[in-house]
Amino acid sequence: MYIFYRFFFLSSDILFSRHEAWQEVQEELRRRRSFQPSLARLREEVRQRYAPLHPQVYRFSENYLEEGFLRAVGEAREGR
């Protein structure tokens, strides 16, 4: 009899924990869905107002790469 009660209470705790976890997941999903429209507005506002401090960083240049690396790439392209 003791084993049955112990199993029952442990099982109900696990079920309750699963139920709580499910409720938390559902609440988080509702929060994220309601956040999407405001996030899109924020993203657009940042895109419009952002001025890069160092614009040259956003443009690729081979000057940023080491000579040895550039030689290795050149040789690989030539098939050496």
Protein backbone atom coordinates (compact mmCIF):
# COMPACT_ATOMS: atom_id res chain seq x y z
CA MET A 1 0.00 0.00 0.00
CA TYR A 2 2.83 2.42 0.89
CA ILE A 3 4.48 1.83 -2.48
CA PHE A 4 1.23 2.65 -4.28
CA TYR A 5 0.83 5.95 -2.41
CA ARG A 6 4.45 6.86 -2.93
CA PHE A 7 4.19 6.13 -6.66
CA PHE A 8 0.92 8.06 -6.91
CA PHE A 9 2.35 11.16 -5.26
CA LEU A 10 5.56 11.03 -7.28
CA SER A 11 3.56 10.57 -10.48
CA SER A 12 1.26 13.46 -9.66
CA ASP A 13 4.29 15.68 -8.94
CA ILE A 14 5.77 14.78 -12.31
CA LEU A 15 2.47 15.43 -14.07
CA PHE A 16 2.11 18.73 -12.27
CA SER A 17 5.65 19.68 -13.25
CA ARG A 18 4.94 18.81 -16.87
CA HIS A 19 1.76 20.85 -16.74
CA GLU A 20 3.65 23.81 -15.27
CA ALA A 21 6.36 23.47 -17.92
CA TRP A 22 3.72 23.35 -20.67
CA GLN A 23 2.07 26.46 -19.27
CA GLU A 24 5.43 28.27 -19.21
CA VAL A 25 6.10 27.30 -22.82
CA GLN A 26 2.67 28.53 -23.89
CA GLU A 27 3.17 31.80 -22.01
CA GLU A 28 6.57 32.33 -23.65
CA LEU A 29 5.08 31.66 -27.09
CA ARG A 30 2.34 34.24 -26.47
CA ARG A 31 4.95 36.76 -25.31
CA ARG A 32 7.14 36.22 -28.38
CA ARG A 33 4.20 36.44 -30.78
CA SER A 34 3.07 39.72 -29.25
CA PHE A 35 6.65 41.03 -29.40
CA GLN A 36 7.09 40.49 -33.17
CA PRO A 37 5.32 43.66 -34.41
CA SER A 38 7.24 45.92 -32.04
CA LEU A 39 10.49 44.17 -32.94
CA ALA A 40 9.92 44.87 -36.63
CA ARG A 41 9.34 48.56 -35.87
CA LEU A 42 12.48 48.70 -33.74
CA ARG A 43 14.53 47.00 -36.46
CA GLU A 44 13.31 49.49 -39.06
CA GLU A 45 14.03 52.46 -36.81
CA VAL A 46 17.58 51.25 -36.14
CA ARG A 47 18.11 50.65 -39.88
CA GLN A 48 17.02 54.21 -40.67
CA ARG A 49 18.98 55.96 -37.92
CA TYR A 50 22.15 53.87 -37.73
CA ALA A 51 25.27 55.53 -39.08
CA PRO A 52 28.35 53.27 -39.01
CA LEU A 53 31.26 54.73 -37.10
CA HIS A 54 33.79 53.06 -39.44
CA PRO A 55 32.08 52.43 -42.83
CA GLN A 56 35.26 50.97 -44.35
CA VAL A 57 34.91 47.95 -42.06
CA TYR A 58 31.70 46.98 -43.87
CA ARG A 59 33.46 46.74 -47.25
CA PHE A 60 35.69 43.80 -48.07
CA SER A 61 39.18 44.49 -49.29
CA GLU A 62 41.99 42.09 -50.04
CA ASN A 63 44.23 44.50 -48.14
CA TYR A 64 42.78 43.00 -44.96
CA LEU A 65 44.22 39.57 -45.81
CA GLU A 66 47.74 38.37 -45.14
CA GLU A 67 50.11 37.96 -48.10
CA GLY A 68 50.76 34.28 -47.36
CA PHE A 69 47.08 33.55 -47.41
CA LEU A 70 46.60 35.38 -50.71
CA ARG A 71 49.50 33.40 -52.25
CA ALA A 72 47.98 30.12 -51.05
CA VAL A 73 44.61 31.03 -52.54
CA GLY A 74 46.26 32.01 -55.83
CA GLU A 75 48.14 28.71 -56.01
CA ALA A 76 45.00 26.75 -55.19
CA ARG A 77 43.12 28.51 -57.97
CA GLU A 78 45.92 27.71 -60.43
CA GLY A 79 45.84 24.07 -59.35
CA ARG A 80 49.35 23.76 -57.96
